[in-house]
């Protein structure tokens, strides 16, 4: 899949949904719970797959998941039990930037 900024992606195995905030100009395999995510904002009335048991770390509402080396960042808009991954590698939660000290 070639993601684009602003694209909404939904998991096919749970309720997770994300928005692409930043992405490179190449093909990426974005997965949740071990299954490829599809364009859309939710799985609808039923999921179509079974999540991989080792990839059930969960995703948190409002958190950004990013990999600086790949140049990809995703914003979670609907949480779920599946782990968000890119090219088979789980994405960590992006840490907040420290505020400057005020003297």
PDB file of N, CA and C in Angstrom:
ATOM      1  N   UNK A   1       0.842  -1.167   0.000  1.00  0.00           N
ATOM      2  CA  UNK A   1       0.000   0.000   0.000  1.00  0.00           C
ATOM      3  C   UNK A   1       0.894   1.240   0.000  1.00  0.00           C
ATOM      4  N   UNK A   2       0.474   2.244  -0.699  1.00  0.00           N
ATOM      5  CA  UNK A   2       1.172   3.518  -0.717  1.00  0.00           C
ATOM      6  C   UNK A   2       0.307   4.516   0.052  1.00  0.00           C
ATOM      7  N   UNK A   3       0.589   4.711   1.345  1.00  0.00           N
ATOM      8  CA  UNK A   3      -0.238   5.621   2.134  1.00  0.00           C
ATOM      9  C   UNK A   3      -0.017   7.076   1.740  1.00  0.00           C
ATOM     10  N   UNK A   4      -1.001   7.914   2.066  1.00  0.00           N
ATOM     11  CA  UNK A   4      -0.873   9.349   1.810  1.00  0.00           C
ATOM     12  C   UNK A   4      -1.338  10.100   3.060  1.00  0.00           C
ATOM     13  N   UNK A   5      -0.810  11.284   3.258  1.00  0.00           N
ATOM     14  CA  UNK A   5      -1.151  12.093   4.423  1.00  0.00           C
ATOM     15  C   UNK A   5      -2.654  12.375   4.429  1.00  0.00           C
ATOM     16  N   UNK A   6      -3.286  12.179   5.568  1.00  0.00           N
ATOM     17  CA  UNK A   6      -4.715  12.405   5.722  1.00  0.00           C
ATOM     18  C   UNK A   6      -5.576  11.178   5.479  1.00  0.00           C
ATOM     19  N   UNK A   7      -4.972  10.119   4.979  1.00  0.00           N
ATOM     20  CA  UNK A   7      -5.718   8.888   4.689  1.00  0.00           C
ATOM     21  C   UNK A   7      -6.136   8.215   5.993  1.00  0.00           C
ATOM     22  N   UNK A   8      -7.377   7.739   6.040  1.00  0.00           N
ATOM     23  CA  UNK A   8      -7.874   7.001   7.197  1.00  0.00           C
ATOM     24  C   UNK A   8      -7.723   5.510   6.917  1.00  0.00           C
ATOM     25  N   UNK A   9      -7.175   4.794   7.886  1.00  0.00           N
ATOM     26  CA  UNK A   9      -6.984   3.351   7.762  1.00  0.00           C
ATOM     27  C   UNK A   9      -7.688   2.658   8.919  1.00  0.00           C
ATOM     28  N   UNK A  10      -8.286   1.506   8.631  1.00  0.00           N
ATOM     29  CA  UNK A  10      -9.001   0.740   9.645  1.00  0.00           C
ATOM     30  C   UNK A  10      -8.494  -0.696   9.680  1.00  0.00           C
ATOM     31  N   UNK A  11      -8.470  -1.250  10.870  1.00  0.00           N
ATOM     32  CA  UNK A  11      -8.072  -2.634  11.055  1.00  0.00           C
ATOM     33  C   UNK A  11      -9.182  -3.564  10.553  1.00  0.00           C
ATOM     34  N   UNK A  12      -8.783  -4.715  10.071  1.00  0.00           N
ATOM     35  CA  UNK A  12      -9.761  -5.716   9.643  1.00  0.00           C
ATOM     36  C   UNK A  12      -9.985  -6.785  10.712  1.00  0.00           C
ATOM     37  N   UNK A  13      -9.254  -6.670  11.843  1.00  0.00           N
ATOM     38  CA  UNK A  13      -9.376  -7.683  12.893  1.00  0.00           C
ATOM     39  C   UNK A  13      -9.859  -7.139  14.230  1.00  0.00           C
ATOM     40  N   UNK A  14      -9.931  -5.822  14.372  1.00  0.00           N
ATOM     41  CA  UNK A  14     -10.455  -5.229  15.601  1.00  0.00           C
ATOM     42  C   UNK A  14     -10.989  -3.831  15.299  1.00  0.00           C
ATOM     43  N   UNK A  15     -11.170  -3.013  16.326  1.00  0.00           N
ATOM     44  CA  UNK A  15     -11.795  -1.699  16.150  1.00  0.00           C
ATOM     45  C   UNK A  15     -10.819  -0.570  15.876  1.00  0.00           C
ATOM     46  N   UNK A  16      -9.535  -0.848  15.780  1.00  0.00           N
ATOM     47  CA  UNK A  16      -8.521   0.190  15.610  1.00  0.00           C
ATOM     48  C   UNK A  16      -8.686   0.932  14.289  1.00  0.00           C
ATOM     49  N   UNK A  17      -8.549   2.268  14.371  1.00  0.00           N
ATOM     50  CA  UNK A  17      -8.540   3.118  13.184  1.00  0.00           C
ATOM     51  C   UNK A  17      -7.485   4.201  13.400  1.00  0.00           C
ATOM     52  N   UNK A  18      -6.792   4.580  12.323  1.00  0.00           N
ATOM     53  CA  UNK A  18      -5.736   5.593  12.402  1.00  0.00           C
ATOM     54  C   UNK A  18      -5.854   6.555  11.226  1.00  0.00           C
ATOM     55  N   UNK A  19      -5.199   7.702  11.368  1.00  0.00           N
ATOM     56  CA  UNK A  19      -5.043   8.663  10.284  1.00  0.00           C
ATOM     57  C   UNK A  19      -3.550   8.793  10.030  1.00  0.00           C
ATOM     58  N   UNK A  20      -3.151   8.795   8.761  1.00  0.00           N
ATOM     59  CA  UNK A  20      -1.750   8.958   8.387  1.00  0.00           C
ATOM     60  C   UNK A  20      -1.397  10.437   8.540  1.00  0.00           C
ATOM     61  N   UNK A  21      -0.437  10.731   9.424  1.00  0.00           N
ATOM     62  CA  UNK A  21       0.006  12.102   9.666  1.00  0.00           C
ATOM     63  C   UNK A  21       1.230  12.420   8.822  1.00  0.00           C
ATOM     64  N   UNK A  22       2.123  11.454   8.688  1.00  0.00           N
ATOM     65  CA  UNK A  22       3.350  11.631   7.916  1.00  0.00           C
ATOM     66  C   UNK A  22       3.721  10.283   7.317  1.00  0.00           C
ATOM     67  N   UNK A  23       4.209  10.296   6.077  1.00  0.00           N
ATOM     68  CA  UNK A  23       4.608   9.039   5.444  1.00  0.00           C
ATOM     69  C   UNK A  23       5.617   9.307   4.330  1.00  0.00           C
ATOM     70  N   UNK A  24       6.459   8.319   4.030  1.00  0.00           N
ATOM     71  CA  UNK A  24       7.412   8.463   2.937  1.00  0.00           C
ATOM     72  C   UNK A  24       6.732   8.221   1.588  1.00  0.00           C
ATOM     73  N   UNK A  25       7.466   8.482   0.513  1.00  0.00           N
ATOM     74  CA  UNK A  25       6.935   8.277  -0.844  1.00  0.00           C
ATOM     75  C   UNK A  25       7.200   6.865  -1.333  1.00  0.00           C
ATOM     76  N   UNK A  26       6.811   5.890  -0.588  1.00  0.00           N
ATOM     77  CA  UNK A  26       7.043   4.512  -0.992  1.00  0.00           C
ATOM     78  C   UNK A  26       5.969   3.583  -0.475  1.00  0.00           C
ATOM     79  N   UNK A  27       6.128   2.330  -0.825  1.00  0.00           N
ATOM     80  CA  UNK A  27       5.189   1.298  -0.385  1.00  0.00           C
ATOM     81  C   UNK A  27       5.491   0.923   1.060  1.00  0.00           C
ATOM     82  N   UNK A  28       4.435   0.832   1.869  1.00  0.00           N
ATOM     83  CA  UNK A  28       4.534   0.389   3.254  1.00  0.00           C
ATOM     84  C   UNK A  28       3.448  -0.637   3.525  1.00  0.00           C
ATOM     85  N   UNK A  29       3.760  -1.587   4.373  1.00  0.00           N
ATOM     86  CA  UNK A  29       2.749  -2.543   4.818  1.00  0.00           C
ATOM     87  C   UNK A  29       2.345  -2.145   6.233  1.00  0.00           C
ATOM     88  N   UNK A  30       1.184  -1.499   6.351  1.00  0.00           N
ATOM     89  CA  UNK A  30       0.686  -1.060   7.650  1.00  0.00           C
ATOM     90  C   UNK A  30      -0.308  -2.106   8.135  1.00  0.00           C
ATOM     91  N   UNK A  31      -0.021  -2.660   9.321  1.00  0.00           N
ATOM     92  CA  UNK A  31      -0.857  -3.733   9.854  1.00  0.00           C
ATOM     93  C   UNK A  31      -1.334  -3.409  11.268  1.00  0.00           C
ATOM     94  N   UNK A  32      -2.360  -4.118  11.683  1.00  0.00           N
ATOM     95  CA  UNK A  32      -2.850  -4.047  13.050  1.00  0.00           C
ATOM     96  C   UNK A  32      -3.245  -5.466  13.451  1.00  0.00           C
ATOM     97  N   UNK A  33      -2.657  -5.961  14.514  1.00  0.00           N
ATOM     98  CA  UNK A  33      -2.936  -7.324  14.943  1.00  0.00           C
ATOM     99  C   UNK A  33      -2.432  -8.360  13.946  1.00  0.00           C
ATOM    100  N   UNK A  34      -1.471  -7.977  13.105  1.00  0.00           N
ATOM    101  CA  UNK A  34      -0.893  -8.889  12.123  1.00  0.00           C
ATOM    102  C   UNK A  34      -1.611  -8.915  10.788  1.00  0.00           C
ATOM    103  N   UNK A  35      -2.717  -8.182  10.647  1.00  0.00           N
ATOM    104  CA  UNK A  35      -3.477  -8.151   9.388  1.00  0.00           C
ATOM    105  C   UNK A  35      -3.384  -6.756   8.773  1.00  0.00           C
ATOM    106  N   UNK A  36      -3.327  -6.695   7.463  1.00  0.00           N
ATOM    107  CA  UNK A  36      -3.215  -5.414   6.757  1.00  0.00           C
ATOM    108  C   UNK A  36      -4.406  -4.515   7.053  1.00  0.00           C
ATOM    109  N   UNK A  37      -4.117  -3.227   7.231  1.00  0.00           N
ATOM    110  CA  UNK A  37      -5.187  -2.251   7.439  1.00  0.00           C
ATOM    111  C   UNK A  37      -5.706  -1.814   6.072  1.00  0.00           C
ATOM    112  N   UNK A  38      -6.988  -1.447   6.022  1.00  0.00           N
ATOM    113  CA  UNK A  38      -7.611  -1.035   4.772  1.00  0.00           C
ATOM    114  C   UNK A  38      -8.077   0.409   4.881  1.00  0.00           C
ATOM    115  N   UNK A  39      -8.300   1.030   3.737  1.00  0.00           N
ATOM    116  CA  UNK A  39      -8.766   2.409   3.741  1.00  0.00           C
ATOM    117  C   UNK A  39     -10.197   2.455   4.258  1.00  0.00           C
ATOM    118  N   UNK A  40     -10.470   3.402   5.123  1.00  0.00           N
ATOM    119  CA  UNK A  40     -11.786   3.539   5.730  1.00  0.00           C
ATOM    120  C   UNK A  40     -11.645   3.967   7.163  1.00  0.00           C
ATOM    121  N   UNK A  41     -12.771   4.130   7.865  1.00  0.00           N
ATOM    122  CA  UNK A  41     -12.697   4.602   9.242  1.00  0.00           C
ATOM    123  C   UNK A  41     -13.174   3.584  10.268  1.00  0.00           C
ATOM    124  N   UNK A  42     -13.404   2.371   9.886  1.00  0.00           N
ATOM    125  CA  UNK A  42     -13.811   1.345  10.849  1.00  0.00           C
ATOM    126  C   UNK A  42     -14.177   0.058  10.152  1.00  0.00           C
ATOM    127  N   UNK A  43     -14.199  -1.041  10.900  1.00  0.00           N
ATOM    128  CA  UNK A  43     -14.484  -2.331  10.305  1.00  0.00           C
ATOM    129  C   UNK A  43     -15.946  -2.571   9.976  1.00  0.00           C
ATOM    130  N   UNK A  44     -16.809  -1.632  10.344  1.00  0.00           N
ATOM    131  CA  UNK A  44     -18.226  -1.841  10.069  1.00  0.00           C
ATOM    132  C   UNK A  44     -18.859  -2.724  11.122  1.00  0.00           C
ATOM    133  N   UNK A  45     -19.809  -3.545  10.710  1.00  0.00           N
ATOM    134  CA  UNK A  45     -20.553  -4.355  11.671  1.00  0.00           C
ATOM    135  C   UNK A  45     -19.778  -5.565  12.170  1.00  0.00           C
ATOM    136  N   UNK A  46     -18.817  -6.043  11.393  1.00  0.00           N
ATOM    137  CA  UNK A  46     -18.058  -7.227  11.812  1.00  0.00           C
ATOM    138  C   UNK A  46     -16.648  -7.175  11.253  1.00  0.00           C
ATOM    139  N   UNK A  47     -15.724  -7.748  11.994  1.00  0.00           N
ATOM    140  CA  UNK A  47     -14.359  -7.846  11.506  1.00  0.00           C
ATOM    141  C   UNK A  47     -14.267  -9.027  10.546  1.00  0.00           C
ATOM    142  N   UNK A  48     -13.255  -8.987   9.686  1.00  0.00           N
ATOM    143  CA  UNK A  48     -13.143 -10.015   8.657  1.00  0.00           C
ATOM    144  C   UNK A  48     -11.960 -10.945   8.862  1.00  0.00           C
ATOM    145  N   UNK A  49     -11.213 -10.789   9.942  1.00  0.00           N
ATOM    146  CA  UNK A  49     -10.050 -11.630  10.154  1.00  0.00           C
ATOM    147  C   UNK A  49      -9.849 -11.946  11.621  1.00  0.00           C
ATOM    148  N   UNK A  50      -8.811 -12.715  11.877  1.00  0.00           N
ATOM    149  CA  UNK A  50      -8.461 -13.104  13.241  1.00  0.00           C
ATOM    150  C   UNK A  50      -7.087 -12.525  13.540  1.00  0.00           C
ATOM    151  N   UNK A  51      -6.952 -11.777  14.642  1.00  0.00           N
ATOM    152  CA  UNK A  51      -5.658 -11.188  14.968  1.00  0.00           C
ATOM    153  C   UNK A  51      -4.641 -12.237  15.395  1.00  0.00           C
ATOM    154  N   UNK A  52      -3.383 -11.944  15.151  1.00  0.00           N
ATOM    155  CA  UNK A  52      -2.291 -12.815  15.590  1.00  0.00           C
ATOM    156  C   UNK A  52      -2.151 -12.637  17.109  1.00  0.00           C
ATOM    157  N   UNK A  53      -2.127 -13.723  17.884  1.00  0.00           N
ATOM    158  CA  UNK A  53      -2.096 -13.609  19.349  1.00  0.00           C
ATOM    159  C   UNK A  53      -0.863 -12.885  19.886  1.00  0.00           C
ATOM    160  N   UNK A  54       0.261 -12.909  19.174  1.00  0.00           N
ATOM    161  CA  UNK A  54       1.475 -12.238  19.639  1.00  0.00           C
ATOM    162  C   UNK A  54       1.457 -10.741  19.346  1.00  0.00           C
ATOM    163  N   UNK A  55       0.485 -10.291  18.553  1.00  0.00           N
ATOM    164  CA  UNK A  55       0.414  -8.880  18.172  1.00  0.00           C
ATOM    165  C   UNK A  55      -0.839  -8.219  18.741  1.00  0.00           C
ATOM    166  N   UNK A  56      -1.062  -8.442  20.018  1.00  0.00           N
ATOM    167  CA  UNK A  56      -2.231  -7.876  20.689  1.00  0.00           C
ATOM    168  C   UNK A  56      -1.809  -6.957  21.839  1.00  0.00           C
ATOM    169  N   UNK A  57      -0.896  -6.027  21.536  1.00  0.00           N
ATOM    170  CA  UNK A  57      -0.416  -5.090  22.551  1.00  0.00           C
ATOM    171  C   UNK A  57      -1.337  -3.911  22.770  1.00  0.00           C
ATOM    172  N   UNK A  58      -2.250  -3.692  21.838  1.00  0.00           N
ATOM    173  CA  UNK A  58      -3.227  -2.617  21.971  1.00  0.00           C
ATOM    174  C   UNK A  58      -2.771  -1.304  21.381  1.00  0.00           C
ATOM    175  N   UNK A  59      -3.739  -0.461  21.072  1.00  0.00           N
ATOM    176  CA  UNK A  59      -3.483   0.889  20.589  1.00  0.00           C
ATOM    177  C   UNK A  59      -4.348   1.835  21.418  1.00  0.00           C
ATOM    178  N   UNK A  60      -3.840   3.038  21.648  1.00  0.00           N
ATOM    179  CA  UNK A  60      -4.495   3.976  22.547  1.00  0.00           C
ATOM    180  C   UNK A  60      -5.042   5.179  21.787  1.00  0.00           C
ATOM    181  N   UNK A  61      -6.243   5.586  22.130  1.00  0.00           N
ATOM    182  CA  UNK A  61      -6.919   6.716  21.505  1.00  0.00           C
ATOM    183  C   UNK A  61      -6.110   8.002  21.675  1.00  0.00           C
ATOM    184  N   UNK A  62      -5.914   8.717  20.571  1.00  0.00           N
ATOM    185  CA  UNK A  62      -5.241  10.010  20.609  1.00  0.00           C
ATOM    186  C   UNK A  62      -3.730   9.955  20.622  1.00  0.00           C
ATOM    187  N   UNK A  63      -3.166   8.771  20.677  1.00  0.00           N
ATOM    188  CA  UNK A  63      -1.705   8.638  20.691  1.00  0.00           C
ATOM    189  C   UNK A  63      -1.170   8.569  19.267  1.00  0.00           C
ATOM    190  N   UNK A  64       0.045   9.083  19.102  1.00  0.00           N
ATOM    191  CA  UNK A  64       0.722   9.029  17.813  1.00  0.00           C
ATOM    192  C   UNK A  64       1.738   7.893  17.852  1.00  0.00           C
ATOM    193  N   UNK A  65       1.723   7.096  16.813  1.00  0.00           N
ATOM    194  CA  UNK A  65       2.655   5.982  16.666  1.00  0.00           C
ATOM    195  C   UNK A  65       3.585   6.341  15.523  1.00  0.00           C
ATOM    196  N   UNK A  66       4.907   6.304  15.786  1.00  0.00           N
ATOM    197  CA  UNK A  66       5.836   6.811  14.779  1.00  0.00           C
ATOM    198  C   UNK A  66       7.126   6.008  14.728  1.00  0.00           C
ATOM    199  N   UNK A  67       7.745   6.048  13.547  1.00  0.00           N
ATOM    200  CA  UNK A  67       9.083   5.503  13.327  1.00  0.00           C
ATOM    201  C   UNK A  67       9.847   6.575  12.564  1.00  0.00           C
ATOM    202  N   UNK A  68      10.783   7.221  13.256  1.00  0.00           N
ATOM    203  CA  UNK A  68      11.536   8.325  12.649  1.00  0.00           C
ATOM    204  C   UNK A  68      12.413   7.852  11.492  1.00  0.00           C
ATOM    205  N   UNK A  69      12.956   6.639  11.585  1.00  0.00           N
ATOM    206  CA  UNK A  69      13.814   6.120  10.512  1.00  0.00           C
ATOM    207  C   UNK A  69      13.041   5.935   9.214  1.00  0.00           C
ATOM    208  N   UNK A  70      11.807   5.445   9.304  1.00  0.00           N
ATOM    209  CA  UNK A  70      10.964   5.261   8.116  1.00  0.00           C
ATOM    210  C   UNK A  70      10.281   6.552   7.691  1.00  0.00           C
ATOM    211  N   UNK A  71      10.128   7.486   8.623  1.00  0.00           N
ATOM    212  CA  UNK A  71       9.428   8.724   8.324  1.00  0.00           C
ATOM    213  C   UNK A  71       7.923   8.556   8.295  1.00  0.00           C
ATOM    214  N   UNK A  72       7.412   7.681   9.165  1.00  0.00           N
ATOM    215  CA  UNK A  72       5.969   7.433   9.206  1.00  0.00           C
ATOM    216  C   UNK A  72       5.427   7.797  10.587  1.00  0.00           C
ATOM    217  N   UNK A  73       4.220   8.397  10.591  1.00  0.00           N
ATOM    218  CA  UNK A  73       3.547   8.741  11.835  1.00  0.00           C
ATOM    219  C   UNK A  73       2.049   8.545  11.642  1.00  0.00           C
ATOM    220  N   UNK A  74       1.425   7.841  12.584  1.00  0.00           N
ATOM    221  CA  UNK A  74       0.001   7.548  12.536  1.00  0.00           C
ATOM    222  C   UNK A  74      -0.655   8.035  13.815  1.00  0.00           C
ATOM    223  N   UNK A  75      -1.863   8.614  13.707  1.00  0.00           N
ATOM    224  CA  UNK A  75      -2.632   9.075  14.855  1.00  0.00           C
ATOM    225  C   UNK A  75      -3.800   8.121  15.064  1.00  0.00           C
ATOM    226  N   UNK A  76      -3.899   7.537  16.250  1.00  0.00           N
ATOM    227  CA  UNK A  76      -4.970   6.585  16.555  1.00  0.00           C
ATOM    228  C   UNK A  76      -6.274   7.338  16.841  1.00  0.00           C
ATOM    229  N   UNK A  77      -7.306   7.078  16.030  1.00  0.00           N
ATOM    230  CA  UNK A  77      -8.603   7.733  16.206  1.00  0.00           C
ATOM    231  C   UNK A  77      -9.638   6.812  16.844  1.00  0.00           C
ATOM    232  N   UNK A  78      -9.397   5.511  16.797  1.00  0.00           N
ATOM    233  CA  UNK A  78     -10.250   4.530  17.481  1.00  0.00           C
ATOM    234  C   UNK A  78      -9.322   3.473  18.072  1.00  0.00           C
ATOM    235  N   UNK A  79      -9.393   3.248  19.389  1.00  0.00           N
ATOM    236  CA  UNK A  79      -8.493   2.270  20.005  1.00  0.00           C
ATOM    237  C   UNK A  79      -8.954   0.843  19.757  1.00  0.00           C
ATOM    238  N   UNK A  80      -8.043  -0.078  19.987  1.00  0.00           N
ATOM    239  CA  UNK A  80      -8.353  -1.492  19.846  1.00  0.00           C
ATOM    240  C   UNK A  80      -7.260  -2.339  20.467  1.00  0.00           C
ATOM    241  N   UNK A  81      -7.460  -3.634  20.538  1.00  0.00           N
ATOM    242  CA  UNK A  81      -6.482  -4.520  21.173  1.00  0.00           C
ATOM    243  C   UNK A  81      -5.287  -4.879  20.295  1.00  0.00           C
ATOM    244  N   UNK A  82      -5.326  -4.605  18.995  1.00  0.00           N
ATOM    245  CA  UNK A  82      -4.245  -4.983  18.089  1.00  0.00           C
ATOM    246  C   UNK A  82      -3.060  -4.042  18.150  1.00  0.00           C
ATOM    247  N   UNK A  83      -1.870  -4.565  17.833  1.00  0.00           N
ATOM    248  CA  UNK A  83      -0.645  -3.781  17.772  1.00  0.00           C
ATOM    249  C   UNK A  83      -0.488  -3.205  16.370  1.00  0.00           C
ATOM    250  N   UNK A  84      -0.225  -1.901  16.284  1.00  0.00           N
ATOM    251  CA  UNK A  84       0.000  -1.238  14.996  1.00  0.00           C
ATOM    252  C   UNK A  84       1.453  -1.462  14.601  1.00  0.00           C
ATOM    253  N   UNK A  85       1.676  -1.891  13.361  1.00  0.00           N
ATOM    254  CA  UNK A  85       3.030  -2.164  12.882  1.00  0.00           C
ATOM    255  C   UNK A  85       3.191  -1.691  11.444  1.00  0.00           C
ATOM    256  N   UNK A  86       4.436  -1.407  11.071  1.00  0.00           N
ATOM    257  CA  UNK A  86       4.774  -1.039   9.697  1.00  0.00           C
ATOM    258  C   UNK A  86       5.887  -1.960   9.234  1.00  0.00           C
ATOM    259  N   UNK A  87       5.669  -2.612   8.099  1.00  0.00           N
ATOM    260  CA  UNK A  87       6.629  -3.571   7.543  1.00  0.00           C
ATOM    261  C   UNK A  87       7.027  -4.640   8.555  1.00  0.00           C
ATOM    262  N   UNK A  88       6.064  -5.075   9.384  1.00  0.00           N
ATOM    263  CA  UNK A  88       6.301  -6.145  10.340  1.00  0.00           C
ATOM    264  C   UNK A  88       6.916  -5.723  11.654  1.00  0.00           C
ATOM    265  N   UNK A  89       7.223  -4.434  11.821  1.00  0.00           N
ATOM    266  CA  UNK A  89       7.841  -3.946  13.049  1.00  0.00           C
ATOM    267  C   UNK A  89       6.828  -3.100  13.817  1.00  0.00           C
ATOM    268  N   UNK A  90       6.512  -3.471  15.074  1.00  0.00           N
ATOM    269  CA  UNK A  90       5.554  -2.685  15.861  1.00  0.00           C
ATOM    270  C   UNK A  90       6.006  -1.234  16.021  1.00  0.00           C
ATOM    271  N   UNK A  91       5.065  -0.310  15.884  1.00  0.00           N
ATOM    272  CA  UNK A  91       5.372   1.112  16.045  1.00  0.00           C
ATOM    273  C   UNK A  91       5.266   1.505  17.513  1.00  0.00           C
ATOM    274  N   UNK A  92       6.273   2.211  18.029  1.00  0.00           N
ATOM    275  CA  UNK A  92       6.172   2.692  19.409  1.00  0.00           C
ATOM    276  C   UNK A  92       5.335   3.965  19.474  1.00  0.00           C
ATOM    277  N   UNK A  93       4.830   4.263  20.668  1.00  0.00           N
ATOM    278  CA  UNK A  93       4.114   5.512  20.891  1.00  0.00           C
ATOM    279  C   UNK A  93       5.138   6.636  20.825  1.00  0.00           C
ATOM    280  N   UNK A  94       4.800   7.692  20.090  1.00  0.00           N
ATOM    281  CA  UNK A  94       5.709   8.828  19.951  1.00  0.00           C
ATOM    282  C   UNK A  94       5.761   9.580  21.269  1.00  0.00           C
ATOM    283  N   UNK A  95       6.975   9.880  21.720  1.00  0.00           N
ATOM    284  CA  UNK A  95       7.115  10.594  22.985  1.00  0.00           C
ATOM    285  C   UNK A  95       6.899  12.091  22.767  1.00  0.00           C
ATOM    286  N   UNK A  96       6.410  12.747  23.798  1.00  0.00           N
ATOM    287  CA  UNK A  96       6.155  14.181  23.732  1.00  0.00           C
ATOM    288  C   UNK A  96       7.467  14.953  23.745  1.00  0.00           C
ATOM    289  N   UNK A  97       7.474  16.075  23.048  1.00  0.00           N
ATOM    290  CA  UNK A  97       8.659  16.936  23.062  1.00  0.00           C
ATOM    291  C   UNK A  97       8.717  17.678  24.398  1.00  0.00           C
ATOM    292  N   UNK A  98       9.906  17.741  25.002  1.00  0.00           N
ATOM    293  CA  UNK A  98       9.998  18.467  26.272  1.00  0.00           C
ATOM    294  C   UNK A  98       9.824  19.973  26.037  1.00  0.00           C
ATOM    295  N   UNK A  99       9.150  20.614  26.972  1.00  0.00           N
ATOM    296  CA  UNK A  99       8.970  22.056  26.886  1.00  0.00           C
ATOM    297  C   UNK A  99      10.244  22.764  27.290  1.00  0.00           C
ATOM    298  N   UNK A 100      10.487  23.932  26.736  1.00  0.00           N
ATOM    299  CA  UNK A 100      11.698  24.665  27.129  1.00  0.00           C
ATOM    300  C   UNK A 100      11.584  25.141  28.578  1.00  0.00           C
ATOM    301  N   UNK A 101      12.709  25.183  29.237  1.00  0.00           N
ATOM    302  CA  UNK A 101      12.722  25.630  30.627  1.00  0.00           C
ATOM    303  C   UNK A 101      12.482  27.123  30.682  1.00  0.00           C
ATOM    304  N   UNK A 102      11.696  27.543  31.627  1.00  0.00           N
ATOM    305  CA  UNK A 102      11.489  28.991  31.816  1.00  0.00           C
ATOM    306  C   UNK A 102      12.188  29.408  33.088  1.00  0.00           C
ATOM    307  N   UNK A 103      12.994  30.421  32.967  1.00  0.00           N
ATOM    308  CA  UNK A 103      13.768  30.881  34.130  1.00  0.00           C
ATOM    309  C   UNK A 103      13.196  32.099  34.738  1.00  0.00           C
TER     310      UNK A 103
END
